[in-house]
């Protein structure tokens, strides 16, 4: 067997209907190891924003770092900072719905409040520029009265819309990598959670 080759057994079924509990024990073992690399894969994808300006004064990675840095310097907790860092990670694949991509990635690992903030930040951010595009800048008003309305509005006002300053001294990505690793180390919301806990 070649060095580095996985010696663990593989399954042989041709359809899920033919699979067995033993097969899924094998798959779960592989998944457990694969999932340990999730934080690294997320960071690697975030790095794709480096050099992508799209006409903005700063590239999308700098915008992400600046958003997170501003929140960090205001004393927000680690989970909030990871949300701030990753809020636009969907820009590369979700050009028309980037908040949904970020929210889906973060959902298993963050509070309902932080998930809602990321999921809706695009509409709330629109308050600052939608009118320049012929859109309704008050689109966020459909959520007025929601428990997380002000929380999300504050995120956009203090950090997201303010993070396009090319002279701002953002913390490097390396500052946030350990935070991403910790937040992504154990899911709190997943339909697979019980199976993962039973397999530990």
N, C-alpha and C. Protein backbone atom coordinates (compact mmCIF):
# COMPACT_ATOMS: atom_id res chain seq x y z
N UNK A 1 0.85 -1.20 0.00
CA UNK A 1 0.00 0.00 0.00
C UNK A 1 0.88 1.25 0.00
N UNK A 2 0.58 2.21 -0.83
CA UNK A 2 1.40 3.42 -0.95
C UNK A 2 1.31 4.24 0.33
N UNK A 3 2.40 4.96 0.62
CA UNK A 3 2.41 5.83 1.79
C UNK A 3 1.28 6.84 1.69
N UNK A 4 0.58 7.04 2.81
CA UNK A 4 -0.49 8.01 2.86
C UNK A 4 -1.83 7.50 2.36
N UNK A 5 -1.84 6.28 1.81
CA UNK A 5 -3.10 5.73 1.32
C UNK A 5 -3.96 5.30 2.50
N UNK A 6 -5.24 5.57 2.43
CA UNK A 6 -6.16 5.25 3.51
C UNK A 6 -6.41 3.75 3.55
N UNK A 7 -6.05 3.11 4.68
CA UNK A 7 -6.18 1.66 4.81
C UNK A 7 -7.54 1.23 5.35
N UNK A 8 -8.38 2.18 5.69
CA UNK A 8 -9.69 1.84 6.26
C UNK A 8 -10.59 1.21 5.20
N UNK A 9 -11.52 0.38 5.63
CA UNK A 9 -12.42 -0.27 4.67
C UNK A 9 -13.34 0.73 3.97
N UNK A 10 -13.74 0.38 2.78
CA UNK A 10 -14.69 1.18 2.02
C UNK A 10 -15.99 0.38 1.87
N UNK A 11 -17.08 1.07 1.62
CA UNK A 11 -18.36 0.40 1.43
C UNK A 11 -18.48 -0.11 -0.01
N UNK A 12 -19.42 -1.03 -0.23
CA UNK A 12 -19.57 -1.65 -1.55
C UNK A 12 -20.98 -1.52 -2.13
N UNK A 13 -21.91 -0.88 -1.42
CA UNK A 13 -23.28 -0.83 -1.91
C UNK A 13 -23.40 0.02 -3.17
N UNK A 14 -24.44 -0.28 -3.94
CA UNK A 14 -24.69 0.46 -5.18
C UNK A 14 -25.83 1.47 -5.04
N UNK A 15 -26.68 1.30 -4.03
CA UNK A 15 -27.75 2.26 -3.75
C UNK A 15 -27.84 2.44 -2.24
N UNK A 16 -28.32 3.58 -1.81
CA UNK A 16 -28.53 3.79 -0.38
C UNK A 16 -29.50 2.77 0.19
N UNK A 17 -30.48 2.37 -0.62
CA UNK A 17 -31.46 1.39 -0.14
C UNK A 17 -30.80 0.07 0.23
N UNK A 18 -29.65 -0.22 -0.35
CA UNK A 18 -28.94 -1.47 -0.07
C UNK A 18 -27.90 -1.33 1.04
N UNK A 19 -27.72 -0.11 1.54
CA UNK A 19 -26.68 0.11 2.55
C UNK A 19 -27.09 -0.47 3.90
N UNK A 20 -26.08 -0.68 4.75
CA UNK A 20 -26.32 -1.27 6.07
C UNK A 20 -25.79 -0.34 7.15
N UNK A 21 -26.13 -0.66 8.41
CA UNK A 21 -25.58 0.11 9.53
C UNK A 21 -24.07 0.01 9.55
N UNK A 22 -23.53 -1.14 9.16
CA UNK A 22 -22.08 -1.29 9.09
C UNK A 22 -21.45 -0.37 8.07
N UNK A 23 -22.13 -0.23 6.92
CA UNK A 23 -21.65 0.70 5.90
C UNK A 23 -21.59 2.12 6.45
N UNK A 24 -22.64 2.50 7.17
CA UNK A 24 -22.69 3.87 7.66
C UNK A 24 -21.73 4.11 8.81
N UNK A 25 -21.36 3.06 9.51
CA UNK A 25 -20.30 3.19 10.51
C UNK A 25 -18.97 3.51 9.83
N UNK A 26 -18.74 2.86 8.69
CA UNK A 26 -17.52 3.14 7.92
C UNK A 26 -17.54 4.58 7.41
N UNK A 27 -18.66 4.96 6.82
CA UNK A 27 -18.78 6.32 6.27
C UNK A 27 -18.64 7.37 7.37
N UNK A 28 -19.22 7.10 8.52
CA UNK A 28 -19.13 8.05 9.64
C UNK A 28 -17.69 8.23 10.10
N UNK A 29 -16.92 7.14 10.08
CA UNK A 29 -15.51 7.25 10.44
C UNK A 29 -14.74 8.14 9.49
N UNK A 30 -15.01 7.98 8.20
CA UNK A 30 -14.36 8.85 7.20
C UNK A 30 -14.82 10.30 7.38
N UNK A 31 -16.12 10.48 7.62
CA UNK A 31 -16.66 11.84 7.75
C UNK A 31 -16.07 12.56 8.95
N UNK A 32 -15.86 11.81 10.03
CA UNK A 32 -15.30 12.42 11.24
C UNK A 32 -13.93 13.04 10.94
N UNK A 33 -13.10 12.31 10.20
CA UNK A 33 -11.79 12.84 9.84
C UNK A 33 -11.90 13.99 8.84
N UNK A 34 -12.76 13.83 7.84
CA UNK A 34 -12.94 14.87 6.83
C UNK A 34 -13.42 16.18 7.46
N UNK A 35 -14.35 16.06 8.39
CA UNK A 35 -14.94 17.26 9.01
C UNK A 35 -13.93 18.05 9.83
N UNK A 36 -12.86 17.41 10.27
CA UNK A 36 -11.81 18.12 11.01
C UNK A 36 -11.14 19.19 10.15
N UNK A 37 -11.22 19.03 8.84
CA UNK A 37 -10.60 20.00 7.94
C UNK A 37 -11.53 21.10 7.48
N UNK A 38 -12.73 21.17 8.04
CA UNK A 38 -13.71 22.15 7.57
C UNK A 38 -13.23 23.58 7.72
N UNK A 39 -12.68 23.92 8.88
CA UNK A 39 -12.24 25.30 9.09
C UNK A 39 -11.19 25.71 8.06
N UNK A 40 -10.27 24.80 7.75
CA UNK A 40 -9.26 25.11 6.74
C UNK A 40 -9.87 25.32 5.37
N UNK A 41 -10.86 24.49 5.02
CA UNK A 41 -11.52 24.65 3.73
C UNK A 41 -12.27 25.98 3.66
N UNK A 42 -12.88 26.37 4.76
CA UNK A 42 -13.58 27.65 4.80
C UNK A 42 -12.60 28.81 4.60
N UNK A 43 -11.49 28.76 5.31
CA UNK A 43 -10.47 29.81 5.16
C UNK A 43 -9.91 29.82 3.74
N UNK A 44 -9.66 28.65 3.18
CA UNK A 44 -9.15 28.58 1.80
C UNK A 44 -10.15 29.23 0.84
N UNK A 45 -11.43 29.02 1.08
CA UNK A 45 -12.44 29.63 0.20
C UNK A 45 -12.49 31.14 0.42
N UNK A 46 -12.36 31.56 1.67
CA UNK A 46 -12.34 33.00 1.95
C UNK A 46 -11.19 33.68 1.22
N UNK A 47 -10.07 33.01 1.11
CA UNK A 47 -8.90 33.58 0.42
C UNK A 47 -9.18 33.88 -1.06
N UNK A 48 -10.20 33.24 -1.63
CA UNK A 48 -10.56 33.53 -3.02
C UNK A 48 -11.01 34.97 -3.21
N UNK A 49 -11.38 35.64 -2.12
CA UNK A 49 -11.81 37.03 -2.20
C UNK A 49 -10.63 37.99 -2.33
N UNK A 50 -9.42 37.48 -2.11
CA UNK A 50 -8.22 38.31 -2.20
C UNK A 50 -8.03 38.79 -3.65
N UNK A 51 -7.91 40.08 -3.83
CA UNK A 51 -7.69 40.65 -5.16
C UNK A 51 -8.96 40.87 -5.96
N UNK A 52 -10.11 40.51 -5.41
CA UNK A 52 -11.39 40.69 -6.09
C UNK A 52 -12.00 42.01 -5.64
N UNK A 53 -11.77 43.05 -6.43
CA UNK A 53 -12.24 44.39 -6.08
C UNK A 53 -13.67 44.64 -6.54
N UNK A 54 -14.01 44.19 -7.73
CA UNK A 54 -15.35 44.41 -8.24
C UNK A 54 -15.75 45.87 -8.30
N UNK A 55 -14.76 46.76 -8.44
CA UNK A 55 -15.04 48.19 -8.50
C UNK A 55 -15.03 48.89 -7.15
N UNK A 56 -14.93 48.13 -6.07
CA UNK A 56 -14.93 48.72 -4.73
C UNK A 56 -13.55 49.31 -4.38
N UNK A 57 -13.48 50.18 -3.38
CA UNK A 57 -12.20 50.78 -2.99
C UNK A 57 -11.22 49.77 -2.38
N UNK A 58 -11.73 48.68 -1.84
CA UNK A 58 -10.89 47.62 -1.28
C UNK A 58 -11.38 46.29 -1.85
N UNK A 59 -10.49 45.28 -1.85
CA UNK A 59 -10.96 43.99 -2.35
C UNK A 59 -11.84 43.31 -1.30
N UNK A 60 -12.50 42.25 -1.71
CA UNK A 60 -13.50 41.63 -0.85
C UNK A 60 -12.88 40.97 0.39
N UNK A 61 -11.65 40.51 0.28
CA UNK A 61 -11.00 39.95 1.47
C UNK A 61 -10.71 41.05 2.47
N UNK A 62 -10.19 42.18 2.00
CA UNK A 62 -9.92 43.30 2.90
C UNK A 62 -11.22 43.79 3.54
N UNK A 63 -12.30 43.84 2.77
CA UNK A 63 -13.59 44.23 3.34
C UNK A 63 -13.98 43.27 4.48
N UNK A 64 -13.77 41.99 4.27
CA UNK A 64 -14.11 41.00 5.29
C UNK A 64 -13.24 41.17 6.53
N UNK A 65 -11.94 41.35 6.31
CA UNK A 65 -11.02 41.55 7.43
C UNK A 65 -11.33 42.85 8.17
N UNK A 66 -11.65 43.88 7.42
CA UNK A 66 -11.94 45.16 8.05
C UNK A 66 -13.23 45.10 8.86
N UNK A 67 -14.23 44.41 8.35
CA UNK A 67 -15.48 44.25 9.08
C UNK A 67 -15.22 43.54 10.41
N UNK A 68 -14.48 42.44 10.34
CA UNK A 68 -14.18 41.66 11.54
C UNK A 68 -13.29 42.44 12.50
N UNK A 69 -12.32 43.15 11.97
CA UNK A 69 -11.41 43.92 12.82
C UNK A 69 -12.15 45.02 13.58
N UNK A 70 -13.01 45.72 12.89
CA UNK A 70 -13.79 46.78 13.55
C UNK A 70 -14.63 46.21 14.68
N UNK A 71 -15.25 45.05 14.42
CA UNK A 71 -16.06 44.40 15.46
C UNK A 71 -15.19 43.92 16.62
N UNK A 72 -14.00 43.41 16.30
CA UNK A 72 -13.07 42.94 17.34
C UNK A 72 -12.64 44.10 18.23
N UNK A 73 -12.33 45.23 17.63
CA UNK A 73 -11.86 46.38 18.40
C UNK A 73 -12.98 47.00 19.23
N UNK A 74 -14.22 46.63 18.93
CA UNK A 74 -15.36 47.04 19.76
C UNK A 74 -15.69 46.01 20.83
N UNK A 75 -14.92 44.93 20.88
CA UNK A 75 -15.07 43.97 21.96
C UNK A 75 -16.09 42.86 21.76
N UNK A 76 -16.49 42.60 20.54
CA UNK A 76 -17.46 41.52 20.30
C UNK A 76 -16.82 40.15 20.52
N UNK A 77 -17.68 39.18 20.81
CA UNK A 77 -17.17 37.84 21.10
C UNK A 77 -16.73 37.12 19.82
N UNK A 78 -16.09 35.98 20.03
CA UNK A 78 -15.45 35.26 18.94
C UNK A 78 -16.44 34.80 17.86
N UNK A 79 -17.58 34.33 18.27
CA UNK A 79 -18.57 33.87 17.29
C UNK A 79 -19.02 35.02 16.39
N UNK A 80 -19.26 36.16 16.99
CA UNK A 80 -19.66 37.34 16.22
C UNK A 80 -18.56 37.72 15.23
N UNK A 81 -17.31 37.64 15.67
CA UNK A 81 -16.19 38.00 14.80
C UNK A 81 -16.08 37.06 13.62
N UNK A 82 -16.32 35.78 13.84
CA UNK A 82 -16.27 34.81 12.75
C UNK A 82 -17.41 35.10 11.76
N UNK A 83 -18.57 35.44 12.27
CA UNK A 83 -19.67 35.84 11.38
C UNK A 83 -19.31 37.08 10.59
N UNK A 84 -18.69 38.05 11.24
CA UNK A 84 -18.27 39.27 10.56
C UNK A 84 -17.24 38.96 9.47
N UNK A 85 -16.32 38.07 9.78
CA UNK A 85 -15.28 37.70 8.81
C UNK A 85 -15.86 36.99 7.60
N UNK A 86 -16.83 36.12 7.82
CA UNK A 86 -17.33 35.24 6.76
C UNK A 86 -18.62 35.73 6.10
N UNK A 87 -19.12 36.90 6.49
CA UNK A 87 -20.44 37.31 6.02
C UNK A 87 -20.55 37.40 4.50
N UNK A 88 -19.44 37.67 3.81
CA UNK A 88 -19.46 37.79 2.35
C UNK A 88 -18.75 36.65 1.65
N UNK A 89 -18.51 35.55 2.35
CA UNK A 89 -17.78 34.43 1.74
C UNK A 89 -18.52 33.86 0.53
N UNK A 90 -19.81 34.10 0.46
CA UNK A 90 -20.60 33.59 -0.66
C UNK A 90 -20.46 34.37 -1.95
N UNK A 91 -19.71 35.45 -1.94
CA UNK A 91 -19.62 36.31 -3.13
C UNK A 91 -19.13 35.56 -4.37
N UNK A 92 -18.26 34.57 -4.19
CA UNK A 92 -17.68 33.89 -5.36
C UNK A 92 -18.66 32.96 -6.05
N UNK A 93 -19.52 32.30 -5.29
CA UNK A 93 -20.45 31.32 -5.87
C UNK A 93 -21.89 31.77 -5.83
N UNK A 94 -22.23 32.69 -4.96
CA UNK A 94 -23.61 33.17 -4.83
C UNK A 94 -23.70 34.63 -5.23
N UNK A 95 -23.40 34.91 -6.47
CA UNK A 95 -23.35 36.31 -6.91
C UNK A 95 -24.69 37.03 -6.74
N UNK A 96 -25.78 36.28 -6.74
CA UNK A 96 -27.10 36.88 -6.62
C UNK A 96 -27.76 36.60 -5.27
N UNK A 97 -27.07 35.85 -4.40
CA UNK A 97 -27.64 35.53 -3.08
C UNK A 97 -26.55 35.22 -2.06
N UNK A 98 -25.49 36.03 -2.07
CA UNK A 98 -24.33 35.70 -1.24
C UNK A 98 -24.64 35.55 0.25
N UNK A 99 -25.60 36.31 0.83
CA UNK A 99 -25.87 36.10 2.25
C UNK A 99 -26.37 34.69 2.56
N UNK A 100 -27.11 34.09 1.62
CA UNK A 100 -27.62 32.73 1.85
C UNK A 100 -26.48 31.72 1.95
N UNK A 101 -25.44 31.93 1.15
CA UNK A 101 -24.30 31.00 1.17
C UNK A 101 -23.59 31.09 2.51
N UNK A 102 -23.27 32.30 2.95
CA UNK A 102 -22.59 32.47 4.24
C UNK A 102 -23.43 31.93 5.38
N UNK A 103 -24.73 32.21 5.34
CA UNK A 103 -25.62 31.75 6.41
C UNK A 103 -25.67 30.23 6.46
N UNK A 104 -25.69 29.58 5.30
CA UNK A 104 -25.72 28.11 5.27
C UNK A 104 -24.45 27.51 5.85
N UNK A 105 -23.32 28.11 5.54
CA UNK A 105 -22.03 27.61 6.06
C UNK A 105 -21.98 27.77 7.58
N UNK A 106 -22.46 28.88 8.08
CA UNK A 106 -22.36 29.19 9.50
C UNK A 106 -23.45 28.55 10.36
N UNK A 107 -24.60 28.23 9.76
CA UNK A 107 -25.77 27.82 10.52
C UNK A 107 -25.52 26.73 11.56
N UNK A 108 -24.78 25.66 11.25
CA UNK A 108 -24.60 24.61 12.27
C UNK A 108 -23.77 25.04 13.48
N UNK A 109 -23.08 26.17 13.38
CA UNK A 109 -22.06 26.50 14.38
C UNK A 109 -22.35 27.75 15.21
N UNK A 110 -23.37 28.50 14.85
CA UNK A 110 -23.58 29.79 15.52
C UNK A 110 -25.00 29.89 16.09
N UNK A 111 -25.21 30.88 16.93
CA UNK A 111 -26.52 31.12 17.53
C UNK A 111 -27.53 31.51 16.46
N UNK A 112 -28.79 31.37 16.81
CA UNK A 112 -29.87 31.76 15.90
C UNK A 112 -29.78 33.25 15.58
N UNK A 113 -29.40 34.05 16.56
CA UNK A 113 -29.30 35.50 16.36
C UNK A 113 -28.20 35.85 15.36
N UNK A 114 -27.04 35.24 15.51
CA UNK A 114 -25.95 35.53 14.58
C UNK A 114 -26.24 34.97 13.19
N UNK A 115 -26.88 33.81 13.14
CA UNK A 115 -27.26 33.25 11.84
C UNK A 115 -28.23 34.18 11.13
N UNK A 116 -29.23 34.69 11.84
CA UNK A 116 -30.21 35.60 11.25
C UNK A 116 -29.53 36.86 10.74
N UNK A 117 -28.59 37.36 11.50
CA UNK A 117 -27.85 38.56 11.10
C UNK A 117 -27.13 38.36 9.77
N UNK A 118 -26.42 37.23 9.66
CA UNK A 118 -25.69 36.95 8.42
C UNK A 118 -26.66 36.73 7.26
N UNK A 119 -27.71 35.98 7.52
CA UNK A 119 -28.66 35.66 6.47
C UNK A 119 -29.35 36.90 5.91
N UNK A 120 -29.56 37.91 6.73
CA UNK A 120 -30.32 39.09 6.31
C UNK A 120 -29.46 40.33 6.09
N UNK A 121 -28.15 40.21 6.24
CA UNK A 121 -27.33 41.42 6.18
C UNK A 121 -27.40 42.09 4.81
N UNK A 122 -27.63 41.33 3.74
CA UNK A 122 -27.69 41.94 2.41
C UNK A 122 -28.83 42.94 2.28
N UNK A 123 -29.99 42.59 2.82
CA UNK A 123 -31.14 43.50 2.77
C UNK A 123 -30.89 44.71 3.67
N UNK A 124 -30.32 44.47 4.84
CA UNK A 124 -30.06 45.57 5.77
C UNK A 124 -28.96 46.49 5.24
N UNK A 125 -27.96 45.91 4.60
CA UNK A 125 -26.89 46.70 3.99
C UNK A 125 -27.45 47.60 2.89
N UNK A 126 -28.51 47.12 2.25
CA UNK A 126 -29.12 47.88 1.16
C UNK A 126 -29.63 49.25 1.56
N UNK A 127 -29.87 49.45 2.85
CA UNK A 127 -30.31 50.76 3.32
C UNK A 127 -29.34 51.86 2.89
N UNK A 128 -28.07 51.50 2.74
CA UNK A 128 -27.03 52.49 2.45
C UNK A 128 -26.79 52.73 0.96
N UNK A 129 -27.36 51.86 0.10
CA UNK A 129 -27.06 52.08 -1.33
C UNK A 129 -28.16 51.64 -2.30
N UNK A 130 -29.18 50.95 -1.86
CA UNK A 130 -30.18 50.45 -2.80
C UNK A 130 -30.81 51.57 -3.62
N UNK A 131 -30.99 52.75 -3.02
CA UNK A 131 -31.62 53.85 -3.74
C UNK A 131 -30.80 54.32 -4.93
N UNK A 132 -29.48 54.05 -4.90
CA UNK A 132 -28.63 54.41 -6.04
C UNK A 132 -28.82 53.44 -7.22
N UNK A 133 -29.44 52.31 -6.94
CA UNK A 133 -29.66 51.29 -7.97
C UNK A 133 -31.13 51.21 -8.40
N UNK A 134 -31.93 52.15 -7.91
CA UNK A 134 -33.35 52.12 -8.23
C UNK A 134 -34.13 51.12 -7.41
N UNK A 135 -33.55 50.66 -6.31
CA UNK A 135 -34.20 49.71 -5.41
C UNK A 135 -34.69 50.43 -4.15
N UNK A 136 -35.47 49.73 -3.38
CA UNK A 136 -36.04 50.31 -2.16
C UNK A 136 -35.05 50.18 -1.01
N UNK A 137 -34.50 51.29 -0.58
CA UNK A 137 -33.52 51.24 0.51
C UNK A 137 -34.16 50.81 1.82
N UNK A 138 -35.47 50.92 1.92
CA UNK A 138 -36.18 50.52 3.13
C UNK A 138 -36.71 49.09 3.06
N UNK A 139 -36.15 48.28 2.20
CA UNK A 139 -36.55 46.89 2.08
C UNK A 139 -36.47 46.15 3.42
N UNK A 140 -35.53 46.58 4.25
CA UNK A 140 -35.37 45.94 5.55
C UNK A 140 -36.58 46.15 6.46
N UNK A 141 -37.41 47.14 6.15
CA UNK A 141 -38.56 47.45 7.02
C UNK A 141 -39.55 46.29 7.11
N UNK A 142 -39.51 45.37 6.16
CA UNK A 142 -40.38 44.20 6.25
C UNK A 142 -40.07 43.37 7.50
N UNK A 143 -38.88 43.58 8.07
CA UNK A 143 -38.47 42.84 9.26
C UNK A 143 -38.55 43.67 10.54
N UNK A 144 -39.04 44.89 10.41
CA UNK A 144 -39.17 45.76 11.59
C UNK A 144 -40.02 45.05 12.64
N UNK A 145 -39.55 45.03 13.88
CA UNK A 145 -40.24 44.33 14.94
C UNK A 145 -39.67 42.95 15.21
N UNK A 146 -38.85 42.44 14.29
CA UNK A 146 -38.20 41.14 14.53
C UNK A 146 -37.20 41.30 15.68
N UNK A 147 -37.05 40.29 16.53
CA UNK A 147 -36.13 40.40 17.67
C UNK A 147 -34.69 40.74 17.29
N UNK A 148 -34.29 40.40 16.06
CA UNK A 148 -32.89 40.64 15.67
C UNK A 148 -32.73 41.80 14.68
N UNK A 149 -33.79 42.60 14.53
CA UNK A 149 -33.72 43.73 13.59
C UNK A 149 -32.61 44.70 13.97
N UNK A 150 -32.66 45.20 15.19
CA UNK A 150 -31.68 46.21 15.60
C UNK A 150 -30.26 45.64 15.64
N UNK A 151 -30.15 44.40 16.04
CA UNK A 151 -28.85 43.72 16.10
C UNK A 151 -28.20 43.69 14.71
N UNK A 152 -29.01 43.35 13.71
CA UNK A 152 -28.51 43.27 12.34
C UNK A 152 -28.27 44.67 11.77
N UNK A 153 -29.16 45.60 12.07
CA UNK A 153 -28.97 46.98 11.60
C UNK A 153 -27.67 47.56 12.17
N UNK A 154 -27.39 47.24 13.43
CA UNK A 154 -26.15 47.73 14.04
C UNK A 154 -24.93 47.12 13.38
N UNK A 155 -24.98 45.82 13.09
CA UNK A 155 -23.85 45.17 12.40
C UNK A 155 -23.55 45.89 11.09
N UNK A 156 -24.59 46.15 10.32
CA UNK A 156 -24.38 46.81 9.03
C UNK A 156 -23.89 48.24 9.19
N UNK A 157 -24.47 48.97 10.14
CA UNK A 157 -24.10 50.38 10.30
C UNK A 157 -22.67 50.55 10.82
N UNK A 158 -22.33 49.80 11.86
CA UNK A 158 -21.03 49.99 12.50
C UNK A 158 -19.89 49.29 11.77
N UNK A 159 -20.17 48.17 11.12
CA UNK A 159 -19.08 47.34 10.61
C UNK A 159 -19.15 47.08 9.11
N UNK A 160 -20.26 46.56 8.61
CA UNK A 160 -20.30 46.14 7.21
C UNK A 160 -20.21 47.32 6.26
N UNK A 161 -21.12 48.28 6.36
CA UNK A 161 -21.10 49.41 5.42
C UNK A 161 -19.91 50.34 5.63
N UNK A 162 -19.29 50.25 6.80
CA UNK A 162 -18.17 51.14 7.12
C UNK A 162 -16.81 50.55 6.74
N UNK A 163 -16.79 49.34 6.19
CA UNK A 163 -15.53 48.61 6.01
C UNK A 163 -15.01 48.65 4.58
N UNK A 164 -14.95 49.86 4.03
CA UNK A 164 -14.41 50.04 2.68
C UNK A 164 -13.32 51.11 2.66
N UNK A 165 -12.67 51.30 3.80
CA UNK A 165 -11.67 52.35 3.96
C UNK A 165 -10.30 51.78 3.61
N UNK A 166 -9.74 52.23 2.50
CA UNK A 166 -8.45 51.71 2.04
C UNK A 166 -7.30 52.12 2.96
N UNK A 167 -7.52 53.05 3.87
CA UNK A 167 -6.48 53.47 4.81
C UNK A 167 -6.60 52.80 6.18
N UNK A 168 -7.59 51.95 6.34
CA UNK A 168 -7.82 51.32 7.64
C UNK A 168 -6.79 50.22 7.90
N UNK A 169 -6.34 50.13 9.15
CA UNK A 169 -5.34 49.13 9.54
C UNK A 169 -6.03 47.87 10.04
N UNK A 170 -6.38 46.99 9.12
CA UNK A 170 -7.07 45.76 9.49
C UNK A 170 -6.09 44.74 10.07
N UNK A 171 -6.61 43.92 10.97
CA UNK A 171 -5.82 42.79 11.47
C UNK A 171 -5.64 41.79 10.34
N UNK A 172 -4.53 41.07 10.32
CA UNK A 172 -4.33 40.07 9.26
C UNK A 172 -5.25 38.87 9.44
N UNK A 173 -5.43 38.13 8.38
CA UNK A 173 -6.28 36.94 8.42
C UNK A 173 -5.83 35.98 9.51
N UNK A 174 -4.53 35.88 9.73
CA UNK A 174 -3.99 34.95 10.73
C UNK A 174 -4.55 35.21 12.13
N UNK A 175 -4.94 36.44 12.41
CA UNK A 175 -5.54 36.77 13.70
C UNK A 175 -6.83 35.99 13.92
N UNK A 176 -7.57 35.76 12.84
CA UNK A 176 -8.91 35.18 12.95
C UNK A 176 -8.95 33.67 12.72
N UNK A 177 -7.88 33.11 12.14
CA UNK A 177 -7.91 31.68 11.83
C UNK A 177 -8.17 30.81 13.06
N UNK A 178 -7.50 31.05 14.21
CA UNK A 178 -7.82 30.22 15.38
C UNK A 178 -9.27 30.37 15.84
N UNK A 179 -9.86 31.54 15.64
CA UNK A 179 -11.26 31.74 16.00
C UNK A 179 -12.17 30.89 15.11
N UNK A 180 -11.88 30.90 13.81
CA UNK A 180 -12.66 30.08 12.87
C UNK A 180 -12.53 28.61 13.25
N UNK A 181 -11.33 28.18 13.58
CA UNK A 181 -11.11 26.79 13.96
C UNK A 181 -11.93 26.41 15.19
N UNK A 182 -11.97 27.30 16.16
CA UNK A 182 -12.72 26.99 17.38
C UNK A 182 -14.23 26.98 17.12
N UNK A 183 -14.72 27.96 16.39
CA UNK A 183 -16.16 28.03 16.13
C UNK A 183 -16.62 26.83 15.30
N UNK A 184 -15.78 26.40 14.35
CA UNK A 184 -16.15 25.30 13.47
C UNK A 184 -15.76 23.92 14.03
N UNK A 185 -15.27 23.89 15.26
CA UNK A 185 -14.81 22.62 15.81
C UNK A 185 -15.94 21.68 16.22
N UNK A 186 -17.10 22.24 16.55
CA UNK A 186 -18.21 21.39 16.99
C UNK A 186 -19.54 22.05 16.64
N UNK A 187 -20.34 21.38 15.81
CA UNK A 187 -21.65 21.96 15.46
C UNK A 187 -22.61 21.91 16.63
N UNK A 188 -23.51 22.88 16.66
CA UNK A 188 -24.55 22.90 17.69
C UNK A 188 -25.94 22.70 17.09
N UNK A 189 -26.06 22.90 15.77
CA UNK A 189 -27.34 22.75 15.09
C UNK A 189 -27.11 21.96 13.79
N UNK A 190 -27.57 20.71 13.77
CA UNK A 190 -27.44 19.90 12.56
C UNK A 190 -28.35 18.70 12.68
N UNK A 191 -28.97 18.29 11.57
CA UNK A 191 -29.80 17.09 11.61
C UNK A 191 -28.95 15.85 11.82
N UNK A 192 -27.63 15.98 11.65
CA UNK A 192 -26.71 14.85 11.85
C UNK A 192 -26.10 14.84 13.25
N UNK A 193 -26.49 15.80 14.09
CA UNK A 193 -25.80 16.00 15.36
C UNK A 193 -25.85 14.76 16.27
N UNK A 194 -27.00 14.14 16.39
CA UNK A 194 -27.12 12.97 17.27
C UNK A 194 -26.20 11.85 16.78
N UNK A 195 -26.19 11.62 15.47
CA UNK A 195 -25.34 10.56 14.93
C UNK A 195 -23.87 10.86 15.19
N UNK A 196 -23.49 12.14 15.09
CA UNK A 196 -22.10 12.52 15.34
C UNK A 196 -21.75 12.32 16.81
N UNK A 197 -22.67 12.69 17.69
CA UNK A 197 -22.42 12.53 19.14
C UNK A 197 -22.33 11.06 19.52
N UNK A 198 -23.19 10.22 18.91
CA UNK A 198 -23.17 8.80 19.21
C UNK A 198 -21.88 8.15 18.74
N UNK A 199 -21.28 8.74 17.69
CA UNK A 199 -20.07 8.16 17.13
C UNK A 199 -18.80 8.58 17.83
N UNK A 200 -18.91 9.49 18.80
CA UNK A 200 -17.71 9.97 19.47
C UNK A 200 -17.22 8.96 20.51
